Amino acid sequence: VAPGTAKLQAALRIQGGAASTGLTVTASVVDLATSVRTDAPVTVIRQSDDGPTRLLAVDLATGELKPGRYALECLVKEPASGENAVSSIEFTVK
């Protein structure tokens, strides 16, 4: 990822999510050198269902990232059941 990147995109697959309504998605970026966690506002840009799986494409406003190692963490909540699904990936800005 290039320094100064202010937005990332992610694709999320939520097993059993096709039957859910009102899913909420939150995200944060963690600086792995300092453990500082910053919320990344999420905008759903596309969603569809593949059988029982809900597919989401999202924009994540990360602020301008400086060189370093980061983790992106996404959390999807299903309000009716209270269940959560978490996904994360590490990446480097250089």
Protein backbone atom coordinates (compact mmCIF):
# COMPACT_ATOMS: atom_id res chain seq x y z
CA VAL A 1 0.00 0.00 0.00
CA ALA A 2 1.35 3.43 -0.89
CA PRO A 3 2.05 6.05 1.83
CA GLY A 4 -0.74 8.61 2.15
CA THR A 5 -3.43 6.11 1.20
CA ALA A 6 -6.67 7.42 2.72
CA LYS A 7 -9.07 4.68 1.64
CA LEU A 8 -8.94 0.90 1.37
CA GLN A 9 -11.47 -1.51 -0.08
CA ALA A 10 -12.36 -4.88 1.34
CA ALA A 11 -14.58 -7.80 0.35
CA LEU A 12 -16.36 -9.64 3.15
CA ARG A 13 -18.12 -13.01 2.99
CA ILE A 14 -20.61 -13.59 5.81
CA GLN A 15 -21.71 -17.22 6.08
CA GLY A 16 -25.45 -17.36 6.80
CA GLY A 17 -25.68 -13.60 6.33
CA ALA A 18 -28.09 -13.80 3.39
CA ALA A 19 -30.96 -14.48 5.79
CA SER A 20 -29.96 -11.57 8.06
CA THR A 21 -31.27 -8.04 8.01
CA GLY A 22 -29.61 -5.04 9.56
CA LEU A 23 -26.03 -6.32 9.53
CA THR A 24 -23.62 -3.67 10.82
CA VAL A 25 -19.99 -3.47 9.77
CA THR A 26 -17.28 -1.66 11.72
CA ALA A 27 -13.56 -1.56 11.09
CA SER A 28 -10.35 -0.36 12.67
CA VAL A 29 -6.73 -0.01 11.63
CA VAL A 30 -4.10 -1.06 14.17
CA ASP A 31 -0.55 0.30 13.96
CA LEU A 32 1.45 -2.84 14.78
CA ALA A 33 4.47 -0.85 16.01
CA THR A 34 2.51 1.13 18.61
CA SER A 35 -0.71 -0.90 19.03
CA VAL A 36 -2.70 2.31 18.42
CA ARG A 37 -6.16 1.44 17.11
CA THR A 38 -8.02 3.91 14.87
CA ASP A 39 -11.63 3.52 13.78
CA ALA A 40 -12.07 3.35 10.01
CA PRO A 41 -15.53 4.50 8.90
CA VAL A 42 -17.16 1.91 6.61
CA THR A 43 -19.31 2.50 3.53
CA VAL A 44 -20.98 -0.51 1.91
CA ILE A 45 -20.57 -0.01 -1.83
CA ARG A 46 -22.10 -3.31 -3.01
CA GLN A 47 -23.84 -6.30 -1.52
CA SER A 48 -25.24 -9.49 -2.93
CA ASP A 49 -26.10 -13.00 -1.84
CA ASP A 50 -24.49 -16.24 -2.98
CA GLY A 51 -26.80 -18.90 -1.61
CA PRO A 52 -26.71 -18.52 2.18
CA THR A 53 -23.65 -16.23 2.06
CA ARG A 54 -23.89 -12.42 2.08
CA LEU A 55 -21.14 -10.75 0.04
CA LEU A 56 -20.18 -7.17 0.88
CA ALA A 57 -17.77 -4.80 -0.85
CA VAL A 58 -16.83 -1.90 1.43
CA ASP A 59 -14.79 1.29 1.40
CA LEU A 60 -12.78 1.96 4.57
CA ALA A 61 -11.70 5.52 5.34
CA THR A 62 -8.28 4.98 6.92
CA GLY A 63 -6.91 8.51 7.07
CA GLU A 64 -3.55 9.08 5.45
CA LEU A 65 -1.44 6.07 6.36
CA LYS A 66 2.26 6.57 7.06
CA PRO A 67 4.89 3.93 6.28
CA GLY A 68 4.69 0.98 8.68
CA ARG A 69 2.98 -2.32 9.45
CA TYR A 70 -0.75 -2.35 10.13
CA ALA A 71 -3.63 -4.72 10.74
CA LEU A 72 -7.09 -4.10 9.36
CA GLU A 73 -9.85 -5.59 11.52
CA CYS A 74 -13.47 -5.83 10.36
CA LEU A 75 -16.38 -6.77 12.64
CA VAL A 76 -19.84 -7.72 11.36
CA LYS A 77 -22.71 -7.82 13.87
CA GLU A 78 -26.06 -9.52 13.33
CA PRO A 79 -28.50 -7.67 15.60
CA ALA A 80 -31.24 -10.30 15.89
CA SER A 81 -28.96 -13.04 17.23
CA GLY A 82 -26.22 -10.83 18.68
CA GLU A 83 -23.62 -12.90 16.81
CA ASN A 84 -20.36 -11.31 15.65
CA ALA A 85 -17.90 -12.27 12.93
CA VAL A 86 -14.37 -10.86 12.92
CA SER A 87 -11.80 -10.85 10.14
CA SER A 88 -8.35 -9.30 10.02
CA ILE A 89 -5.38 -8.96 7.71
CA GLU A 90 -1.93 -7.45 8.14
CA PHE A 91 -0.47 -5.13 5.52
CA THR A 92 2.54 -2.87 5.03
CA VAL A 93 2.61 0.75 3.88
CA LYS A 94 5.86 1.56 2.07
